[in-house]
Amino acid sequence: MASLVLICSLISAAVLFYVFRPLIIGRGGSFAMDWDAKSSALKLLLRKKETIYENIKDLEFEYKMGKLSDEDYHRLHNEYLQEAYGVMKKIESVKPETLEKPGQPQVVAVLKSGRKSKN
């Protein structure tokens, strides 16, 4: 009877650890800083950069259509540019060696964005 309780307790602890591991470790923990996490973070930053650029294009379009005042346009444009600058600094801070998988060749830090080149 005691061994059955012990086995159930161990299985329950393992399942709970597996389920709550992302919450325990968090984004900044050393467990989460493996290659996949770095790659995911870089992909997220690249998507954010694309979104900011699209927002700037939309902003310029709305300004040209007369939907925004000069003051609003310049204020929003500067905010988007500052946000883009911050994202670009974060992207540049990701070093290629942090994307390296142990025992495998160096991974090139260029990720496909789903768009084909025009060449």
PDB file of N, CA and C in Angstrom:
ATOM      1  N   MET A   1       0.816  -1.199   0.000  1.00  0.00           N
ATOM      2  CA  MET A   1       0.000   0.000   0.000  1.00  0.00           C
ATOM      3  C   MET A   1       0.857   1.260   0.000  1.00  0.00           C
ATOM      4  N   ALA A   2       1.908   1.267   0.790  1.00  0.00           N
ATOM      5  CA  ALA A   2       2.785   2.435   0.882  1.00  0.00           C
ATOM      6  C   ALA A   2       3.536   2.654  -0.434  1.00  0.00           C
ATOM      7  N   SER A   3       3.922   1.543  -1.083  1.00  0.00           N
ATOM      8  CA  SER A   3       4.636   1.680  -2.356  1.00  0.00           C
ATOM      9  C   SER A   3       3.716   2.234  -3.441  1.00  0.00           C
ATOM     10  N   LEU A   4       2.452   1.898  -3.410  1.00  0.00           N
ATOM     11  CA  LEU A   4       1.485   2.413  -4.376  1.00  0.00           C
ATOM     12  C   LEU A   4       1.306   3.927  -4.201  1.00  0.00           C
ATOM     13  N   VAL A   5       1.234   4.369  -2.955  1.00  0.00           N
ATOM     14  CA  VAL A   5       1.114   5.794  -2.668  1.00  0.00           C
ATOM     15  C   VAL A   5       2.375   6.526  -3.125  1.00  0.00           C
ATOM     16  N   LEU A   6       3.529   5.939  -2.907  1.00  0.00           N
ATOM     17  CA  LEU A   6       4.791   6.541  -3.313  1.00  0.00           C
ATOM     18  C   LEU A   6       4.879   6.654  -4.838  1.00  0.00           C
ATOM     19  N   ILE A   7       4.492   5.627  -5.553  1.00  0.00           N
ATOM     20  CA  ILE A   7       4.529   5.647  -7.017  1.00  0.00           C
ATOM     21  C   ILE A   7       3.556   6.695  -7.563  1.00  0.00           C
ATOM     22  N   CYS A   8       2.354   6.741  -7.008  1.00  0.00           N
ATOM     23  CA  CYS A   8       1.367   7.743  -7.441  1.00  0.00           C
ATOM     24  C   CYS A   8       1.863   9.163  -7.154  1.00  0.00           C
ATOM     25  N   SER A   9       2.513   9.343  -6.032  1.00  0.00           N
ATOM     26  CA  SER A   9       3.045  10.661  -5.683  1.00  0.00           C
ATOM     27  C   SER A   9       4.139  11.083  -6.658  1.00  0.00           C
ATOM     28  N   LEU A  10       5.019  10.158  -7.004  1.00  0.00           N
ATOM     29  CA  LEU A  10       6.092  10.467  -7.947  1.00  0.00           C
ATOM     30  C   LEU A  10       5.540  10.787  -9.339  1.00  0.00           C
ATOM     31  N   ILE A  11       4.582  10.022  -9.781  1.00  0.00           N
ATOM     32  CA  ILE A  11       3.969  10.279 -11.092  1.00  0.00           C
ATOM     33  C   ILE A  11       3.260  11.629 -11.081  1.00  0.00           C
ATOM     34  N   SER A  12       2.538  11.913 -10.013  1.00  0.00           N
ATOM     35  CA  SER A  12       1.844  13.201  -9.908  1.00  0.00           C
ATOM     36  C   SER A  12       2.828  14.365  -9.903  1.00  0.00           C
ATOM     37  N   ALA A  13       3.929  14.212  -9.172  1.00  0.00           N
ATOM     38  CA  ALA A  13       4.937  15.279  -9.122  1.00  0.00           C
ATOM     39  C   ALA A  13       5.558  15.504 -10.502  1.00  0.00           C
ATOM     40  N   ALA A  14       5.827  14.416 -11.218  1.00  0.00           N
ATOM     41  CA  ALA A  14       6.414  14.547 -12.558  1.00  0.00           C
ATOM     42  C   ALA A  14       5.455  15.242 -13.516  1.00  0.00           C
ATOM     43  N   VAL A  15       4.189  14.873 -13.457  1.00  0.00           N
ATOM     44  CA  VAL A  15       3.183  15.492 -14.333  1.00  0.00           C
ATOM     45  C   VAL A  15       3.019  16.970 -13.982  1.00  0.00           C
ATOM     46  N   LEU A  16       2.954  17.300 -12.706  1.00  0.00           N
ATOM     47  CA  LEU A  16       2.812  18.695 -12.296  1.00  0.00           C
ATOM     48  C   LEU A  16       4.028  19.517 -12.711  1.00  0.00           C
ATOM     49  N   PHE A  17       5.224  18.947 -12.583  1.00  0.00           N
ATOM     50  CA  PHE A  17       6.414  19.665 -13.018  1.00  0.00           C
ATOM     51  C   PHE A  17       6.369  19.919 -14.517  1.00  0.00           C
ATOM     52  N   TYR A  18       5.978  18.910 -15.297  1.00  0.00           N
ATOM     53  CA  TYR A  18       5.908  19.060 -16.747  1.00  0.00           C
ATOM     54  C   TYR A  18       4.885  20.124 -17.143  1.00  0.00           C
ATOM     55  N   VAL A  19       3.752  20.153 -16.482  1.00  0.00           N
ATOM     56  CA  VAL A  19       2.690  21.104 -16.821  1.00  0.00           C
ATOM     57  C   VAL A  19       3.076  22.528 -16.421  1.00  0.00           C
ATOM     58  N   PHE A  20       3.640  22.698 -15.238  1.00  0.00           N
ATOM     59  CA  PHE A  20       3.927  24.034 -14.720  1.00  0.00           C
ATOM     60  C   PHE A  20       5.366  24.487 -14.959  1.00  0.00           C
ATOM     61  N   ARG A  21       6.152  23.711 -15.669  1.00  0.00           N
ATOM     62  CA  ARG A  21       7.538  24.060 -15.935  1.00  0.00           C
ATOM     63  C   ARG A  21       7.694  25.427 -16.602  1.00  0.00           C
ATOM     64  N   PRO A  22       6.902  25.779 -17.633  1.00  0.00           N
ATOM     65  CA  PRO A  22       7.061  27.110 -18.230  1.00  0.00           C
ATOM     66  C   PRO A  22       6.801  28.249 -17.242  1.00  0.00           C
ATOM     67  N   LEU A  23       5.893  28.043 -16.310  1.00  0.00           N
ATOM     68  CA  LEU A  23       5.613  29.075 -15.320  1.00  0.00           C
ATOM     69  C   LEU A  23       6.720  29.169 -14.274  1.00  0.00           C
ATOM     70  N   ILE A  24       7.289  28.040 -13.919  1.00  0.00           N
ATOM     71  CA  ILE A  24       8.340  28.018 -12.899  1.00  0.00           C
ATOM     72  C   ILE A  24       9.626  28.621 -13.450  1.00  0.00           C
ATOM     73  N   ILE A  25       9.988  28.230 -14.654  1.00  0.00           N
ATOM     74  CA  ILE A  25      11.254  28.659 -15.233  1.00  0.00           C
ATOM     75  C   ILE A  25      11.154  30.082 -15.759  1.00  0.00           C
ATOM     76  N   GLY A  26      10.058  30.395 -16.430  1.00  0.00           N
ATOM     77  CA  GLY A  26       9.865  31.737 -16.961  1.00  0.00           C
ATOM     78  C   GLY A  26      10.672  31.967 -18.222  1.00  0.00           C
ATOM     79  N   ARG A  27      10.533  33.172 -18.762  1.00  0.00           N
ATOM     80  CA  ARG A  27      11.210  33.506 -20.013  1.00  0.00           C
ATOM     81  C   ARG A  27      12.688  33.778 -19.811  1.00  0.00           C
ATOM     82  N   GLY A  28      13.064  34.285 -18.659  1.00  0.00           N
ATOM     83  CA  GLY A  28      14.455  34.653 -18.445  1.00  0.00           C
ATOM     84  C   GLY A  28      15.284  33.580 -17.780  1.00  0.00           C
ATOM     85  N   GLY A  29      14.685  32.458 -17.426  1.00  0.00           N
ATOM     86  CA  GLY A  29      15.408  31.410 -16.736  1.00  0.00           C
ATOM     87  C   GLY A  29      16.413  30.710 -17.624  1.00  0.00           C
ATOM     88  N   SER A  30      17.383  30.067 -16.992  1.00  0.00           N
ATOM     89  CA  SER A  30      18.434  29.413 -17.763  1.00  0.00           C
ATOM     90  C   SER A  30      17.905  28.196 -18.510  1.00  0.00           C
ATOM     91  N   PHE A  31      16.871  27.542 -17.991  1.00  0.00           N
ATOM     92  CA  PHE A  31      16.275  26.415 -18.697  1.00  0.00           C
ATOM     93  C   PHE A  31      15.705  26.869 -20.034  1.00  0.00           C
ATOM     94  N   ALA A  32      15.080  28.019 -20.040  1.00  0.00           N
ATOM     95  CA  ALA A  32      14.396  28.497 -21.235  1.00  0.00           C
ATOM     96  C   ALA A  32      15.342  29.098 -22.254  1.00  0.00           C
ATOM     97  N   MET A  33      16.617  29.223 -21.948  1.00  0.00           N
ATOM     98  CA  MET A  33      17.547  29.890 -22.852  1.00  0.00           C
ATOM     99  C   MET A  33      18.245  28.902 -23.780  1.00  0.00           C
ATOM    100  N   ASP A  34      17.537  27.897 -24.235  1.00  0.00           N
ATOM    101  CA  ASP A  34      18.120  26.988 -25.197  1.00  0.00           C
ATOM    102  C   ASP A  34      17.960  27.544 -26.606  1.00  0.00           C
ATOM    103  N   TRP A  35      18.412  26.807 -27.595  1.00  0.00           N
ATOM    104  CA  TRP A  35      18.391  27.295 -28.975  1.00  0.00           C
ATOM    105  C   TRP A  35      16.987  27.616 -29.436  1.00  0.00           C
ATOM    106  N   ASP A  36      16.026  26.759 -29.138  1.00  0.00           N
ATOM    107  CA  ASP A  36      14.653  26.983 -29.589  1.00  0.00           C
ATOM    108  C   ASP A  36      14.078  28.268 -29.019  1.00  0.00           C
ATOM    109  N   ALA A  37      14.393  28.568 -27.776  1.00  0.00           N
ATOM    110  CA  ALA A  37      13.888  29.800 -27.167  1.00  0.00           C
ATOM    111  C   ALA A  37      14.517  31.015 -27.833  1.00  0.00           C
ATOM    112  N   LYS A  38      15.808  30.958 -28.113  1.00  0.00           N
ATOM    113  CA  LYS A  38      16.473  32.075 -28.791  1.00  0.00           C
ATOM    114  C   LYS A  38      15.906  32.258 -30.190  1.00  0.00           C
ATOM    115  N   SER A  39      15.705  31.150 -30.882  1.00  0.00           N
ATOM    116  CA  SER A  39      15.164  31.219 -32.232  1.00  0.00           C
ATOM    117  C   SER A  39      13.750  31.780 -32.208  1.00  0.00           C
ATOM    118  N   SER A  40      12.947  31.341 -31.260  1.00  0.00           N
ATOM    119  CA  SER A  40      11.576  31.845 -31.141  1.00  0.00           C
ATOM    120  C   SER A  40      11.564  33.327 -30.810  1.00  0.00           C
ATOM    121  N   ALA A  41      12.469  33.745 -29.929  1.00  0.00           N
ATOM    122  CA  ALA A  41      12.536  35.159 -29.570  1.00  0.00           C
ATOM    123  C   ALA A  41      12.938  35.999 -30.776  1.00  0.00           C
ATOM    124  N   LEU A  42      13.872  35.490 -31.578  1.00  0.00           N
ATOM    125  CA  LEU A  42      14.301  36.217 -32.766  1.00  0.00           C
ATOM    126  C   LEU A  42      13.172  36.292 -33.788  1.00  0.00           C
ATOM    127  N   LYS A  43      12.457  35.195 -33.970  1.00  0.00           N
ATOM    128  CA  LYS A  43      11.318  35.201 -34.892  1.00  0.00           C
ATOM    129  C   LYS A  43      10.258  36.195 -34.425  1.00  0.00           C
ATOM    130  N   LEU A  44      10.016  36.238 -33.137  1.00  0.00           N
ATOM    131  CA  LEU A  44       9.039  37.174 -32.589  1.00  0.00           C
ATOM    132  C   LEU A  44       9.473  38.617 -32.834  1.00  0.00           C
ATOM    133  N   LEU A  45      10.748  38.893 -32.636  1.00  0.00           N
ATOM    134  CA  LEU A  45      11.254  40.247 -32.885  1.00  0.00           C
ATOM    135  C   LEU A  45      11.151  40.622 -34.361  1.00  0.00           C
ATOM    136  N   LEU A  46      11.443  39.672 -35.240  1.00  0.00           N
ATOM    137  CA  LEU A  46      11.343  39.953 -36.672  1.00  0.00           C
ATOM    138  C   LEU A  46       9.891  40.215 -37.089  1.00  0.00           C
ATOM    139  N   ARG A  47       8.973  39.466 -36.510  1.00  0.00           N
ATOM    140  CA  ARG A  47       7.548  39.710 -36.795  1.00  0.00           C
ATOM    141  C   ARG A  47       7.115  41.071 -36.272  1.00  0.00           C
ATOM    142  N   LYS A  48       7.608  41.421 -35.082  1.00  0.00           N
ATOM    143  CA  LYS A  48       7.269  42.722 -34.502  1.00  0.00           C
ATOM    144  C   LYS A  48       7.799  43.849 -35.382  1.00  0.00           C
ATOM    145  N   LYS A  49       9.011  43.676 -35.913  1.00  0.00           N
ATOM    146  CA  LYS A  49       9.595  44.677 -36.801  1.00  0.00           C
ATOM    147  C   LYS A  49       8.736  44.843 -38.056  1.00  0.00           C
ATOM    148  N   GLU A  50       8.308  43.731 -38.640  1.00  0.00           N
ATOM    149  CA  GLU A  50       7.453  43.797 -39.827  1.00  0.00           C
ATOM    150  C   GLU A  50       6.128  44.494 -39.517  1.00  0.00           C
ATOM    151  N   THR A  51       5.568  44.206 -38.359  1.00  0.00           N
ATOM    152  CA  THR A  51       4.307  44.835 -37.960  1.00  0.00           C
ATOM    153  C   THR A  51       4.483  46.343 -37.809  1.00  0.00           C
ATOM    154  N   ILE A  52       5.571  46.755 -37.206  1.00  0.00           N
ATOM    155  CA  ILE A  52       5.821  48.194 -37.039  1.00  0.00           C
ATOM    156  C   ILE A  52       5.963  48.869 -38.397  1.00  0.00           C
ATOM    157  N   TYR A  53       6.694  48.238 -39.309  1.00  0.00           N
ATOM    158  CA  TYR A  53       6.850  48.815 -40.652  1.00  0.00           C
ATOM    159  C   TYR A  53       5.503  48.913 -41.383  1.00  0.00           C
ATOM    160  N   GLU A  54       4.672  47.892 -41.232  1.00  0.00           N
ATOM    161  CA  GLU A  54       3.337  47.947 -41.840  1.00  0.00           C
ATOM    162  C   GLU A  54       2.504  49.061 -41.222  1.00  0.00           C
ATOM    163  N   ASN A  55       2.635  49.240 -39.911  1.00  0.00           N
ATOM    164  CA  ASN A  55       1.908  50.318 -39.244  1.00  0.00           C
ATOM    165  C   ASN A  55       2.368  51.688 -39.741  1.00  0.00           C
ATOM    166  N   ILE A  56       3.666  51.833 -39.995  1.00  0.00           N
ATOM    167  CA  ILE A  56       4.172  53.103 -40.526  1.00  0.00           C
ATOM    168  C   ILE A  56       3.608  53.353 -41.918  1.00  0.00           C
ATOM    169  N   LYS A  57       3.556  52.308 -42.749  1.00  0.00           N
ATOM    170  CA  LYS A  57       2.980  52.458 -44.096  1.00  0.00           C
ATOM    171  C   LYS A  57       1.502  52.841 -44.010  1.00  0.00           C
ATOM    172  N   ASP A  58       0.761  52.187 -43.120  1.00  0.00           N
ATOM    173  CA  ASP A  58      -0.661  52.521 -42.943  1.00  0.00           C
ATOM    174  C   ASP A  58      -0.826  53.952 -42.452  1.00  0.00           C
ATOM    175  N   LEU A  59       0.049  54.366 -41.560  1.00  0.00           N
ATOM    176  CA  LEU A  59      -0.001  55.723 -41.032  1.00  0.00           C
ATOM    177  C   LEU A  59       0.226  56.745 -42.140  1.00  0.00           C
ATOM    178  N   GLU A  60       1.208  56.481 -42.980  1.00  0.00           N
ATOM    179  CA  GLU A  60       1.478  57.391 -44.092  1.00  0.00           C
ATOM    180  C   GLU A  60       0.310  57.441 -45.065  1.00  0.00           C
ATOM    181  N   PHE A  61      -0.308  56.280 -45.313  1.00  0.00           N
ATOM    182  CA  PHE A  61      -1.469  56.238 -46.208  1.00  0.00           C
ATOM    183  C   PHE A  61      -2.627  57.065 -45.647  1.00  0.00           C
ATOM    184  N   GLU A  62      -2.916  56.885 -44.361  1.00  0.00           N
ATOM    185  CA  GLU A  62      -4.008  57.631 -43.740  1.00  0.00           C
ATOM    186  C   GLU A  62      -3.708  59.129 -43.711  1.00  0.00           C
ATOM    187  N   TYR A  63      -2.451  59.491 -43.534  1.00  0.00           N
ATOM    188  CA  TYR A  63      -2.070  60.900 -43.549  1.00  0.00           C
ATOM    189  C   TYR A  63      -2.288  61.496 -44.942  1.00  0.00           C
ATOM    190  N   LYS A  64      -1.885  60.755 -45.973  1.00  0.00           N
ATOM    191  CA  LYS A  64      -2.066  61.232 -47.340  1.00  0.00           C
ATOM    192  C   LYS A  64      -3.537  61.320 -47.723  1.00  0.00           C
ATOM    193  N   MET A  65      -4.365  60.482 -47.117  1.00  0.00           N
ATOM    194  CA  MET A  65      -5.804  60.515 -47.381  1.00  0.00           C
ATOM    195  C   MET A  65      -6.495  61.640 -46.609  1.00  0.00           C
ATOM    196  N   GLY A  66      -5.781  62.300 -45.724  1.00  0.00           N
ATOM    197  CA  GLY A  66      -6.335  63.417 -44.976  1.00  0.00           C
ATOM    198  C   GLY A  66      -7.062  63.017 -43.707  1.00  0.00           C
ATOM    199  N   LYS A  67      -6.843  61.805 -43.232  1.00  0.00           N
ATOM    200  CA  LYS A  67      -7.524  61.334 -42.032  1.00  0.00           C
ATOM    201  C   LYS A  67      -6.803  61.732 -40.742  1.00  0.00           C
ATOM    202  N   LEU A  68      -5.555  62.179 -40.858  1.00  0.00           N
ATOM    203  CA  LEU A  68      -4.770  62.559 -39.682  1.00  0.00           C
ATOM    204  C   LEU A  68      -4.265  63.989 -39.818  1.00  0.00           C
ATOM    205  N   SER A  69      -4.214  64.671 -38.696  1.00  0.00           N
ATOM    206  CA  SER A  69      -3.636  66.017 -38.696  1.00  0.00           C
ATOM    207  C   SER A  69      -2.112  65.905 -38.727  1.00  0.00           C
ATOM    208  N   ASP A  70      -1.453  67.007 -39.048  1.00  0.00           N
ATOM    209  CA  ASP A  70       0.006  67.012 -39.086  1.00  0.00           C
ATOM    210  C   ASP A  70       0.593  66.641 -37.726  1.00  0.00           C
ATOM    211  N   GLU A  71       0.009  67.197 -36.680  1.00  0.00           N
ATOM    212  CA  GLU A  71       0.502  66.940 -35.326  1.00  0.00           C
ATOM    213  C   GLU A  71       0.381  65.457 -34.963  1.00  0.00           C
ATOM    214  N   ASP A  72      -0.780  64.857 -35.226  1.00  0.00           N
ATOM    215  CA  ASP A  72      -0.977  63.439 -34.918  1.00  0.00           C
ATOM    216  C   ASP A  72      -0.053  62.559 -35.744  1.00  0.00           C
ATOM    217  N   TYR A  73       0.079  62.894 -37.028  1.00  0.00           N
ATOM    218  CA  TYR A  73       0.943  62.105 -37.904  1.00  0.00           C
ATOM    219  C   TYR A  73       2.377  62.109 -37.400  1.00  0.00           C
ATOM    220  N   HIS A  74       2.915  63.278 -37.093  1.00  0.00           N
ATOM    221  CA  HIS A  74       4.310  63.368 -36.660  1.00  0.00           C
ATOM    222  C   HIS A  74       4.520  62.699 -35.310  1.00  0.00           C
ATOM    223  N   ARG A  75       3.559  62.858 -34.410  1.00  0.00           N
ATOM    224  CA  ARG A  75       3.674  62.223 -33.094  1.00  0.00           C
ATOM    225  C   ARG A  75       3.679  60.697 -33.238  1.00  0.00           C
ATOM    226  N   LEU A  76       2.709  60.141 -33.989  1.00  0.00           N
ATOM    227  CA  LEU A  76       2.638  58.693 -34.161  1.00  0.00           C
ATOM    228  C   LEU A  76       3.831  58.158 -34.956  1.00  0.00           C
ATOM    229  N   HIS A  77       4.244  58.909 -35.963  1.00  0.00           N
ATOM    230  CA  HIS A  77       5.386  58.484 -36.768  1.00  0.00           C
ATOM    231  C   HIS A  77       6.646  58.394 -35.909  1.00  0.00           C
ATOM    232  N   ASN A  78       6.867  59.371 -35.058  1.00  0.00           N
ATOM    233  CA  ASN A  78       8.028  59.340 -34.161  1.00  0.00           C
ATOM    234  C   ASN A  78       7.935  58.185 -33.168  1.00  0.00           C
ATOM    235  N   GLU A  79       6.740  57.912 -32.649  1.00  0.00           N
ATOM    236  CA  GLU A  79       6.573  56.789 -31.730  1.00  0.00           C
ATOM    237  C   GLU A  79       6.902  55.466 -32.410  1.00  0.00           C
ATOM    238  N   TYR A  80       6.411  55.269 -33.633  1.00  0.00           N
ATOM    239  CA  TYR A  80       6.705  54.052 -34.378  1.00  0.00           C
ATOM    240  C   TYR A  80       8.199  53.931 -34.682  1.00  0.00           C
ATOM    241  N   LEU A  81       8.830  55.036 -35.034  1.00  0.00           N
ATOM    242  CA  LEU A  81      10.260  54.995 -35.320  1.00  0.00           C
ATOM    243  C   LEU A  81      11.071  54.634 -34.081  1.00  0.00           C
ATOM    244  N   GLN A  82      10.692  55.177 -32.930  1.00  0.00           N
ATOM    245  CA  GLN A  82      11.386  54.832 -31.687  1.00  0.00           C
ATOM    246  C   GLN A  82      11.189  53.360 -31.341  1.00  0.00           C
ATOM    247  N   GLU A  83       9.977  52.863 -31.546  1.00  0.00           N
ATOM    248  CA  GLU A  83       9.703  51.451 -31.283  1.00  0.00           C
ATOM    249  C   GLU A  83      10.506  50.573 -32.241  1.00  0.00           C
ATOM    250  N   ALA A  84      10.565  50.954 -33.515  1.00  0.00           N
ATOM    251  CA  ALA A  84      11.332  50.195 -34.505  1.00  0.00           C
ATOM    252  C   ALA A  84      12.816  50.198 -34.143  1.00  0.00           C
ATOM    253  N   TYR A  85      13.325  51.339 -33.686  1.00  0.00           N
ATOM    254  CA  TYR A  85      14.726  51.430 -33.282  1.00  0.00           C
ATOM    255  C   TYR A  85      15.021  50.466 -32.131  1.00  0.00           C
ATOM    256  N   GLY A  86      14.129  50.424 -31.150  1.00  0.00           N
ATOM    257  CA  GLY A  86      14.317  49.512 -30.022  1.00  0.00           C
ATOM    258  C   GLY A  86      14.306  48.057 -30.451  1.00  0.00           C
ATOM    259  N   VAL A  87      13.390  47.704 -31.347  1.00  0.00           N
ATOM    260  CA  VAL A  87      13.319  46.326 -31.832  1.00  0.00           C
ATOM    261  C   VAL A  87      14.571  45.975 -32.630  1.00  0.00           C
ATOM    262  N   MET A  88      15.034  46.900 -33.466  1.00  0.00           N
ATOM    263  CA  MET A  88      16.233  46.640 -34.261  1.00  0.00           C
ATOM    264  C   MET A  88      17.456  46.453 -33.358  1.00  0.00           C
ATOM    265  N   LYS A  89      17.550  47.216 -32.286  1.00  0.00           N
ATOM    266  CA  LYS A  89      18.660  47.049 -31.345  1.00  0.00           C
ATOM    267  C   LYS A  89      18.610  45.663 -30.696  1.00  0.00           C
ATOM    268  N   LYS A  90      17.391  45.214 -30.359  1.00  0.00           N
ATOM    269  CA  LYS A  90      17.255  43.881 -29.764  1.00  0.00           C
ATOM    270  C   LYS A  90      17.628  42.799 -30.765  1.00  0.00           C
ATOM    271  N   ILE A  91      17.224  42.973 -32.023  1.00  0.00           N
ATOM    272  CA  ILE A  91      17.564  41.990 -33.057  1.00  0.00           C
ATOM    273  C   ILE A  91      19.079  41.932 -33.242  1.00  0.00           C
ATOM    274  N   GLU A  92      19.720  43.092 -33.276  1.00  0.00           N
ATOM    275  CA  GLU A  92      21.171  43.132 -33.452  1.00  0.00           C
ATOM    276  C   GLU A  92      21.910  42.555 -32.256  1.00  0.00           C
ATOM    277  N   SER A  93      21.289  42.568 -31.077  1.00  0.00           N
ATOM    278  CA  SER A  93      21.969  42.052 -29.892  1.00  0.00           C
ATOM    279  C   SER A  93      21.994  40.529 -29.855  1.00  0.00           C
ATOM    280  N   VAL A  94      21.173  39.875 -30.674  1.00  0.00           N
ATOM    281  CA  VAL A  94      21.183  38.412 -30.731  1.00  0.00           C
ATOM    282  C   VAL A  94      22.409  38.007 -31.535  1.00  0.00           C
ATOM    283  N   LYS A  95      23.337  37.353 -30.864  1.00  0.00           N
ATOM    284  CA  LYS A  95      24.581  36.967 -31.510  1.00  0.00           C
ATOM    285  C   LYS A  95      24.407  35.589 -32.153  1.00  0.00           C
ATOM    286  N   PRO A  96      25.039  35.356 -33.301  1.00  0.00           N
ATOM    287  CA  PRO A  96      24.898  34.061 -33.967  1.00  0.00           C
ATOM    288  C   PRO A  96      25.317  32.883 -33.093  1.00  0.00           C
ATOM    289  N   GLU A  97      26.314  33.074 -32.223  1.00  0.00           N
ATOM    290  CA  GLU A  97      26.740  31.946 -31.399  1.00  0.00           C
ATOM    291  C   GLU A  97      25.673  31.535 -30.389  1.00  0.00           C
ATOM    292  N   THR A  98      24.737  32.422 -30.066  1.00  0.00           N
ATOM    293  CA  THR A  98      23.665  32.038 -29.156  1.00  0.00           C
ATOM    294  C   THR A  98      22.631  31.173 -29.847  1.00  0.00           C
ATOM    295  N   LEU A  99      22.667  31.129 -31.184  1.00  0.00           N
ATOM    296  CA  LEU A  99      21.728  30.298 -31.929  1.00  0.00           C
ATOM    297  C   LEU A  99      22.336  28.951 -32.308  1.00  0.00           C
ATOM    298  N   GLU A 100      23.526  28.684 -31.842  1.00  0.00           N
ATOM    299  CA  GLU A 100      24.215  27.457 -32.206  1.00  0.00           C
ATOM    300  C   GLU A 100      23.686  26.283 -31.395  1.00  0.00           C
ATOM    301  N   LYS A 101      23.417  25.190 -32.088  1.00  0.00           N
ATOM    302  CA  LYS A 101      23.023  23.956 -31.417  1.00  0.00           C
ATOM    303  C   LYS A 101      24.293  23.170 -31.100  1.00  0.00           C
ATOM    304  N   PRO A 102      24.389  22.638 -29.882  1.00  0.00           N
ATOM    305  CA  PRO A 102      25.575  21.861 -29.544  1.00  0.00           C
ATOM    306  C   PRO A 102      25.704  20.643 -30.455  1.00  0.00           C
ATOM    307  N   GLY A 103      26.913  20.433 -30.985  1.00  0.00           N
ATOM    308  CA  GLY A 103      27.159  19.258 -31.801  1.00  0.00           C
ATOM    309  C   GLY A 103      26.671  19.371 -33.231  1.00  0.00           C
ATOM    310  N   GLN A 104      26.169  20.522 -33.627  1.00  0.00           N
ATOM    311  CA  GLN A 104      25.686  20.703 -34.989  1.00  0.00           C
ATOM    312  C   GLN A 104      26.314  21.949 -35.587  1.00  0.00           C
ATOM    313  N   PRO A 105      26.296  22.072 -36.921  1.00  0.00           N
ATOM    314  CA  PRO A 105      26.887  23.253 -37.554  1.00  0.00           C
ATOM    315  C   PRO A 105      26.202  24.536 -37.110  1.00  0.00           C
ATOM    316  N   GLN A 106      26.932  25.639 -37.251  1.00  0.00           N
ATOM    317  CA  GLN A 106      26.399  26.951 -36.889  1.00  0.00           C
ATOM    318  C   GLN A 106      25.158  27.263 -37.706  1.00  0.00           C
ATOM    319  N   VAL A 107      24.152  27.772 -37.047  1.00  0.00           N
ATOM    320  CA  VAL A 107      22.912  28.141 -37.709  1.00  0.00           C
ATOM    321  C   VAL A 107      23.023  29.591 -38.162  1.00  0.00           C
ATOM    322  N   VAL A 108      22.676  29.855 -39.396  1.00  0.00           N
ATOM    323  CA  VAL A 108      22.684  31.216 -39.909  1.00  0.00           C
ATOM    324  C   VAL A 108      21.490  31.944 -39.335  1.00  0.00           C
ATOM    325  N   ALA A 109      21.715  33.171 -38.877  1.00  0.00           N
ATOM    326  CA  ALA A 109      20.667  33.920 -38.173  1.00  0.00           C
ATOM    327  C   ALA A 109      19.715  34.624 -39.125  1.00  0.00           C
ATOM    328  N   VAL A 110      19.533  34.095 -40.327  1.00  0.00           N
ATOM    329  CA  VAL A 110      18.569  34.664 -41.253  1.00  0.00           C
ATOM    330  C   VAL A 110      17.378  33.733 -41.271  1.00  0.00           C
ATOM    331  N   LEU A 111      16.235  34.243 -40.901  1.00  0.00           N
ATOM    332  CA  LEU A 111      15.029  33.439 -40.823  1.00  0.00           C
ATOM    333  C   LEU A 111      14.086  33.802 -41.947  1.00  0.00           C
ATOM    334  N   LYS A 112      13.424  32.811 -42.478  1.00  0.00           N
ATOM    335  CA  LYS A 112      12.473  33.067 -43.546  1.00  0.00           C
ATOM    336  C   LYS A 112      11.251  33.743 -42.969  1.00  0.00           C
ATOM    337  N   SER A 113      10.792  34.767 -43.650  1.00  0.00           N
ATOM    338  CA  SER A 113       9.609  35.485 -43.182  1.00  0.00           C
ATOM    339  C   SER A 113       8.374  35.033 -43.935  1.00  0.00           C
ATOM    340  N   GLY A 114       8.509  34.025 -44.791  1.00  0.00           N
ATOM    341  CA  GLY A 114       7.363  33.554 -45.532  1.00  0.00           C
ATOM    342  C   GLY A 114       7.216  34.243 -46.882  1.00  0.00           C
ATOM    343  N   ARG A 115       8.105  35.180 -47.183  1.00  0.00           N
ATOM    344  CA  ARG A 115       8.065  35.895 -48.452  1.00  0.00           C
ATOM    345  C   ARG A 115       9.182  35.386 -49.353  1.00  0.00           C
ATOM    346  N   LYS A 116       8.915  35.282 -50.604  1.00  0.00           N
ATOM    347  CA  LYS A 116       9.924  34.850 -51.562  1.00  0.00           C
ATOM    348  C   LYS A 116      10.679  36.075 -52.064  1.00  0.00           C
ATOM    349  N   SER A 117      11.972  35.878 -52.355  1.00  0.00           N
ATOM    350  CA  SER A 117      12.758  36.991 -52.873  1.00  0.00           C
ATOM    351  C   SER A 117      12.359  37.260 -54.318  1.00  0.00           C
ATOM    352  N   LYS A 118      12.627  38.470 -54.785  1.00  0.00           N
ATOM    353  CA  LYS A 118      12.209  38.895 -56.115  1.00  0.00           C
ATOM    354  C   LYS A 118      13.274  38.613 -57.167  1.00  0.00           C
ATOM    355  N   ASN A 119      14.309  37.857 -56.826  1.00  0.00           N
ATOM    356  CA  ASN A 119      15.393  37.559 -57.780  1.00  0.00           C
ATOM    357  C   ASN A 119      14.954  36.579 -58.817  1.00  0.00           C
TER     358      ASN A 119
END
